[in-house]
Amino acid sequence: MRIGDAAAAAGTTPRALRFYEERGLLTPPPRTATGQRRYGPDDVARVRVIRELLALGLTVEDLRGIADRIQLLVEDPQRRCAGNDPAGGGSGVVARRLAAIDAEIDRLTGLRTRLARQTGRA
């Protein structure tokens, strides 16, 4: 399928597919004789996993660090909930992202507390 069809099937845009390809998250697809990208169902499934991971708060840079492991999630969706592969690089990425989220929650909680105190809404 062409890039527009693949993007629609994955719930994204052609620009996003090119971006994922540029960042190494998506393998450059084969091209037709006229140079058009040709995507298959596996590519669409991979883009869906990438979008899901991004929606969970991981960044493109996080995913670049584990790009070789994304296919494992495409092949075995149940693996997503397991989280019991300490030998895999993904656990470190997730731990760092969780720590960053926790730090941001702490920062925002402190900011809210100070603002509430200053405005008498504590």
N, C-alpha and C. Protein backbone atom coordinates (compact mmCIF):
# COMPACT_ATOMS: atom_id res chain seq x y z
N MET A 1 0.84 -1.18 0.00
CA MET A 1 0.00 0.00 0.00
C MET A 1 0.88 1.24 0.00
N ARG A 2 0.36 2.31 -0.54
CA ARG A 2 1.11 3.55 -0.61
C ARG A 2 1.11 4.25 0.74
N ILE A 3 1.93 5.26 0.86
CA ILE A 3 2.15 5.92 2.15
C ILE A 3 0.86 6.49 2.74
N GLY A 4 0.00 7.08 1.92
CA GLY A 4 -1.25 7.64 2.44
C GLY A 4 -2.17 6.57 3.00
N ASP A 5 -2.23 5.43 2.30
CA ASP A 5 -3.06 4.32 2.76
C ASP A 5 -2.50 3.71 4.05
N ALA A 6 -1.18 3.55 4.09
CA ALA A 6 -0.55 2.99 5.29
C ALA A 6 -0.74 3.92 6.49
N ALA A 7 -0.58 5.21 6.25
CA ALA A 7 -0.76 6.18 7.33
C ALA A 7 -2.19 6.14 7.86
N ALA A 8 -3.14 6.10 6.97
CA ALA A 8 -4.54 6.04 7.39
C ALA A 8 -4.83 4.76 8.16
N ALA A 9 -4.28 3.65 7.70
CA ALA A 9 -4.50 2.37 8.39
C ALA A 9 -3.89 2.37 9.78
N ALA A 10 -2.79 3.12 9.96
CA ALA A 10 -2.11 3.18 11.26
C ALA A 10 -2.65 4.31 12.13
N GLY A 11 -3.53 5.14 11.58
CA GLY A 11 -4.09 6.24 12.35
C GLY A 11 -3.16 7.43 12.48
N THR A 12 -2.37 7.68 11.45
CA THR A 12 -1.43 8.79 11.51
C THR A 12 -1.36 9.46 10.15
N THR A 13 -0.29 10.19 9.90
CA THR A 13 -0.14 10.93 8.65
C THR A 13 1.07 10.41 7.87
N PRO A 14 1.11 10.67 6.57
CA PRO A 14 2.29 10.32 5.80
C PRO A 14 3.56 11.00 6.34
N ARG A 15 3.39 12.22 6.80
CA ARG A 15 4.54 12.95 7.37
C ARG A 15 5.12 12.20 8.57
N ALA A 16 4.24 11.65 9.41
CA ALA A 16 4.71 10.89 10.57
C ALA A 16 5.48 9.65 10.14
N LEU A 17 5.01 8.96 9.10
CA LEU A 17 5.72 7.78 8.63
C LEU A 17 7.12 8.15 8.15
N ARG A 18 7.23 9.24 7.41
CA ARG A 18 8.55 9.68 6.96
C ARG A 18 9.43 10.06 8.15
N PHE A 19 8.83 10.71 9.15
CA PHE A 19 9.57 11.10 10.36
C PHE A 19 10.08 9.86 11.09
N TYR A 20 9.23 8.84 11.28
CA TYR A 20 9.65 7.61 11.95
C TYR A 20 10.77 6.93 11.16
N GLU A 21 10.69 6.98 9.86
CA GLU A 21 11.73 6.40 9.02
C GLU A 21 13.05 7.17 9.20
N GLU A 22 12.98 8.49 9.18
CA GLU A 22 14.17 9.32 9.36
C GLU A 22 14.84 9.08 10.71
N ARG A 23 14.04 8.82 11.73
CA ARG A 23 14.57 8.63 13.09
C ARG A 23 14.98 7.19 13.37
N GLY A 24 14.82 6.31 12.40
CA GLY A 24 15.25 4.93 12.58
C GLY A 24 14.25 4.04 13.30
N LEU A 25 13.03 4.50 13.45
CA LEU A 25 12.01 3.69 14.12
C LEU A 25 11.30 2.77 13.13
N LEU A 26 11.34 3.13 11.88
CA LEU A 26 10.67 2.38 10.83
C LEU A 26 11.68 2.13 9.72
N THR A 27 11.82 0.88 9.33
CA THR A 27 12.74 0.53 8.27
C THR A 27 12.27 1.15 6.96
N PRO A 28 13.19 1.74 6.21
CA PRO A 28 12.76 2.29 4.92
C PRO A 28 12.11 1.19 4.07
N PRO A 29 10.89 1.45 3.61
CA PRO A 29 10.17 0.43 2.85
C PRO A 29 10.71 0.32 1.43
N PRO A 30 10.42 -0.79 0.78
CA PRO A 30 10.82 -0.88 -0.63
C PRO A 30 10.06 0.17 -1.43
N ARG A 31 10.60 0.49 -2.58
CA ARG A 31 9.97 1.50 -3.43
C ARG A 31 9.59 0.90 -4.78
N THR A 32 8.58 1.51 -5.35
CA THR A 32 8.15 1.09 -6.68
C THR A 32 9.14 1.62 -7.71
N ALA A 33 8.95 1.25 -8.95
CA ALA A 33 9.82 1.73 -10.03
C ALA A 33 9.75 3.25 -10.15
N THR A 34 8.63 3.84 -9.72
CA THR A 34 8.48 5.29 -9.78
C THR A 34 8.93 5.98 -8.50
N GLY A 35 9.47 5.21 -7.55
CA GLY A 35 10.02 5.78 -6.32
C GLY A 35 9.05 5.92 -5.17
N GLN A 36 7.84 5.43 -5.32
CA GLN A 36 6.87 5.53 -4.23
C GLN A 36 7.14 4.45 -3.18
N ARG A 37 6.99 4.84 -1.91
CA ARG A 37 7.15 3.87 -0.83
C ARG A 37 5.99 2.87 -0.87
N ARG A 38 6.32 1.60 -0.55
CA ARG A 38 5.30 0.55 -0.50
C ARG A 38 5.35 -0.07 0.88
N TYR A 39 4.26 0.04 1.62
CA TYR A 39 4.17 -0.48 2.98
C TYR A 39 3.31 -1.73 3.00
N GLY A 40 3.62 -2.60 3.97
CA GLY A 40 2.84 -3.80 4.16
C GLY A 40 2.16 -3.79 5.52
N PRO A 41 1.40 -4.84 5.82
CA PRO A 41 0.70 -4.93 7.10
C PRO A 41 1.64 -4.89 8.30
N ASP A 42 2.82 -5.46 8.19
CA ASP A 42 3.78 -5.43 9.30
C ASP A 42 4.23 -4.00 9.60
N ASP A 43 4.40 -3.21 8.55
CA ASP A 43 4.79 -1.81 8.75
C ASP A 43 3.69 -1.05 9.48
N VAL A 44 2.45 -1.29 9.09
CA VAL A 44 1.31 -0.64 9.74
C VAL A 44 1.25 -1.06 11.22
N ALA A 45 1.45 -2.34 11.49
CA ALA A 45 1.42 -2.83 12.87
C ALA A 45 2.54 -2.18 13.68
N ARG A 46 3.71 -2.02 13.09
CA ARG A 46 4.84 -1.40 13.79
C ARG A 46 4.53 0.06 14.11
N VAL A 47 3.94 0.77 13.16
CA VAL A 47 3.59 2.17 13.40
C VAL A 47 2.56 2.27 14.52
N ARG A 48 1.63 1.36 14.56
CA ARG A 48 0.64 1.37 15.66
C ARG A 48 1.32 1.18 17.01
N VAL A 49 2.28 0.28 17.08
CA VAL A 49 3.02 0.07 18.34
C VAL A 49 3.79 1.33 18.70
N ILE A 50 4.46 1.93 17.72
CA ILE A 50 5.21 3.16 17.97
C ILE A 50 4.28 4.24 18.52
N ARG A 51 3.13 4.41 17.90
CA ARG A 51 2.17 5.43 18.36
C ARG A 51 1.67 5.13 19.77
N GLU A 52 1.46 3.86 20.07
CA GLU A 52 1.00 3.49 21.41
C GLU A 52 2.07 3.81 22.45
N LEU A 53 3.31 3.49 22.14
CA LEU A 53 4.40 3.78 23.06
C LEU A 53 4.59 5.28 23.26
N LEU A 54 4.45 6.04 22.20
CA LEU A 54 4.53 7.50 22.33
C LEU A 54 3.37 8.03 23.18
N ALA A 55 2.19 7.46 23.00
CA ALA A 55 1.03 7.89 23.78
C ALA A 55 1.20 7.56 25.26
N LEU A 56 2.01 6.55 25.58
CA LEU A 56 2.28 6.19 26.97
C LEU A 56 3.32 7.10 27.62
N GLY A 57 3.86 8.03 26.86
CA GLY A 57 4.79 8.99 27.43
C GLY A 57 6.24 8.78 27.05
N LEU A 58 6.54 7.72 26.32
CA LEU A 58 7.91 7.54 25.84
C LEU A 58 8.16 8.56 24.73
N THR A 59 9.40 8.93 24.55
CA THR A 59 9.75 9.90 23.51
C THR A 59 10.33 9.18 22.31
N VAL A 60 10.45 9.90 21.22
CA VAL A 60 11.08 9.34 20.03
C VAL A 60 12.51 8.92 20.36
N GLU A 61 13.20 9.72 21.15
CA GLU A 61 14.57 9.36 21.55
C GLU A 61 14.58 8.09 22.39
N ASP A 62 13.61 7.93 23.28
CA ASP A 62 13.50 6.69 24.05
C ASP A 62 13.37 5.51 23.10
N LEU A 63 12.49 5.66 22.12
CA LEU A 63 12.23 4.56 21.19
C LEU A 63 13.42 4.28 20.29
N ARG A 64 14.18 5.31 19.96
CA ARG A 64 15.38 5.08 19.15
C ARG A 64 16.34 4.15 19.86
N GLY A 65 16.38 4.26 21.18
CA GLY A 65 17.28 3.41 21.97
C GLY A 65 16.87 1.95 22.00
N ILE A 66 15.61 1.69 21.70
CA ILE A 66 15.12 0.31 21.72
C ILE A 66 14.45 -0.06 20.39
N ALA A 67 14.80 0.64 19.33
CA ALA A 67 14.15 0.43 18.03
C ALA A 67 14.24 -1.03 17.58
N ASP A 68 15.33 -1.68 17.91
CA ASP A 68 15.49 -3.08 17.51
C ASP A 68 14.53 -4.01 18.25
N ARG A 69 13.95 -3.55 19.34
CA ARG A 69 13.05 -4.38 20.14
C ARG A 69 11.57 -4.11 19.87
N ILE A 70 11.27 -3.08 19.12
CA ILE A 70 9.87 -2.76 18.84
C ILE A 70 9.19 -3.91 18.12
N GLN A 71 9.91 -4.58 17.25
CA GLN A 71 9.33 -5.69 16.50
C GLN A 71 8.83 -6.79 17.44
N LEU A 72 9.46 -6.95 18.60
CA LEU A 72 8.99 -7.94 19.57
C LEU A 72 7.57 -7.65 20.01
N LEU A 73 7.24 -6.37 20.14
CA LEU A 73 5.89 -5.99 20.54
C LEU A 73 4.90 -6.19 19.40
N VAL A 74 5.38 -6.03 18.17
CA VAL A 74 4.52 -6.27 17.02
C VAL A 74 4.19 -7.76 16.94
N GLU A 75 5.21 -8.59 17.15
CA GLU A 75 5.04 -10.04 17.03
C GLU A 75 4.28 -10.64 18.19
N ASP A 76 4.43 -10.08 19.38
CA ASP A 76 3.79 -10.64 20.58
C ASP A 76 3.20 -9.52 21.43
N PRO A 77 1.99 -9.09 21.10
CA PRO A 77 1.37 -7.97 21.83
C PRO A 77 1.23 -8.22 23.33
N GLN A 78 1.13 -9.46 23.78
CA GLN A 78 1.01 -9.75 25.21
C GLN A 78 2.28 -9.37 25.96
N ARG A 79 3.38 -9.31 25.28
CA ARG A 79 4.66 -8.94 25.88
C ARG A 79 4.60 -7.54 26.50
N ARG A 80 3.71 -6.70 26.00
CA ARG A 80 3.59 -5.33 26.48
C ARG A 80 3.33 -5.25 27.97
N CYS A 81 2.54 -6.15 28.46
CA CYS A 81 2.15 -6.10 29.87
C CYS A 81 3.11 -6.89 30.75
N ALA A 82 3.93 -7.72 30.14
CA ALA A 82 4.79 -8.59 30.94
C ALA A 82 5.83 -7.78 31.70
N GLY A 83 6.61 -6.98 31.01
CA GLY A 83 7.63 -6.16 31.66
C GLY A 83 8.61 -6.96 32.49
N ASN A 84 8.80 -8.23 32.19
CA ASN A 84 9.67 -9.07 33.01
C ASN A 84 10.90 -9.54 32.26
N ASP A 85 11.40 -8.70 31.38
CA ASP A 85 12.58 -9.06 30.61
C ASP A 85 13.73 -8.14 31.01
N PRO A 86 14.34 -8.37 32.18
CA PRO A 86 15.38 -7.47 32.65
C PRO A 86 16.60 -7.43 31.74
N ALA A 87 16.81 -8.46 30.94
CA ALA A 87 17.95 -8.47 30.03
C ALA A 87 17.70 -7.56 28.84
N GLY A 88 16.44 -7.22 28.59
CA GLY A 88 16.11 -6.37 27.45
C GLY A 88 16.38 -4.91 27.77
N GLY A 89 16.75 -4.15 26.75
CA GLY A 89 17.05 -2.74 26.92
C GLY A 89 15.84 -1.91 27.28
N GLY A 90 14.66 -2.43 27.03
CA GLY A 90 13.45 -1.67 27.27
C GLY A 90 13.20 -1.33 28.72
N SER A 91 13.63 -2.19 29.64
CA SER A 91 13.34 -1.94 31.05
C SER A 91 14.05 -0.69 31.55
N GLY A 92 15.26 -0.42 31.08
CA GLY A 92 15.98 0.79 31.48
C GLY A 92 15.32 2.04 30.94
N VAL A 93 14.85 1.97 29.70
CA VAL A 93 14.17 3.11 29.09
C VAL A 93 12.90 3.42 29.85
N VAL A 94 12.15 2.40 30.18
CA VAL A 94 10.89 2.60 30.91
C VAL A 94 11.18 3.13 32.31
N ALA A 95 12.18 2.60 32.97
CA ALA A 95 12.52 3.07 34.32
C ALA A 95 12.92 4.55 34.30
N ARG A 96 13.70 4.94 33.31
CA ARG A 96 14.10 6.35 33.21
C ARG A 96 12.91 7.25 32.91
N ARG A 97 12.01 6.79 32.05
CA ARG A 97 10.84 7.61 31.71
C ARG A 97 9.92 7.73 32.92
N LEU A 98 9.73 6.63 33.66
CA LEU A 98 8.90 6.69 34.87
C LEU A 98 9.50 7.64 35.89
N ALA A 99 10.82 7.61 36.04
CA ALA A 99 11.48 8.53 36.97
C ALA A 99 11.28 9.98 36.54
N ALA A 100 11.35 10.24 35.24
CA ALA A 100 11.14 11.59 34.74
C ALA A 100 9.70 12.04 34.97
N ILE A 101 8.75 11.15 34.77
CA ILE A 101 7.34 11.47 35.02
C ILE A 101 7.12 11.74 36.50
N ASP A 102 7.69 10.90 37.37
CA ASP A 102 7.56 11.10 38.81
C ASP A 102 8.15 12.45 39.22
N ALA A 103 9.30 12.80 38.66
CA ALA A 103 9.93 14.08 38.99
C ALA A 103 9.04 15.24 38.54
N GLU A 104 8.43 15.11 37.38
CA GLU A 104 7.55 16.17 36.89
C GLU A 104 6.30 16.28 37.75
N ILE A 105 5.76 15.16 38.19
CA ILE A 105 4.60 15.18 39.10
C ILE A 105 4.98 15.88 40.40
N ASP A 106 6.14 15.56 40.95
CA ASP A 106 6.60 16.21 42.18
C ASP A 106 6.75 17.72 41.97
N ARG A 107 7.35 18.10 40.85
CA ARG A 107 7.54 19.53 40.55
C ARG A 107 6.19 20.25 40.45
N LEU A 108 5.25 19.65 39.73
CA LEU A 108 3.94 20.27 39.55
C LEU A 108 3.14 20.30 40.86
N THR A 109 3.28 19.26 41.68
CA THR A 109 2.60 19.24 42.97
C THR A 109 3.12 20.37 43.85
N GLY A 110 4.43 20.55 43.86
CA GLY A 110 5.02 21.65 44.63
C GLY A 110 4.57 23.00 44.12
N LEU A 111 4.54 23.14 42.80
CA LEU A 111 4.09 24.39 42.20
C LEU A 111 2.64 24.68 42.55
N ARG A 112 1.80 23.66 42.51
CA ARG A 112 0.38 23.82 42.86
C ARG A 112 0.23 24.24 44.31
N THR A 113 0.99 23.59 45.18
CA THR A 113 0.92 23.90 46.61
C THR A 113 1.31 25.36 46.86
N ARG A 114 2.40 25.80 46.24
CA ARG A 114 2.84 27.19 46.42
C ARG A 114 1.81 28.19 45.88
N LEU A 115 1.26 27.89 44.72
CA LEU A 115 0.27 28.78 44.13
C LEU A 115 -0.98 28.84 44.99
N ALA A 116 -1.43 27.70 45.48
CA ALA A 116 -2.62 27.65 46.35
C ALA A 116 -2.38 28.46 47.63
N ARG A 117 -1.19 28.34 48.20
CA ARG A 117 -0.86 29.09 49.41
C ARG A 117 -0.86 30.60 49.13
N GLN A 118 -0.23 30.99 48.02
CA GLN A 118 -0.12 32.40 47.68
C GLN A 118 -1.50 33.04 47.39
N THR A 119 -2.42 32.25 46.90
CA THR A 119 -3.73 32.80 46.54
C THR A 119 -4.80 32.50 47.56
N GLY A 120 -4.42 31.87 48.66
CA GLY A 120 -5.38 31.57 49.72
C GLY A 120 -6.34 30.43 49.36
N ARG A 121 -5.95 29.56 48.48
CA ARG A 121 -6.81 28.46 48.08
C ARG A 121 -6.25 27.11 48.53
N ALA A 122 -5.48 27.14 49.56
CA ALA A 122 -4.83 25.91 50.05
C ALA A 122 -5.78 24.97 50.71
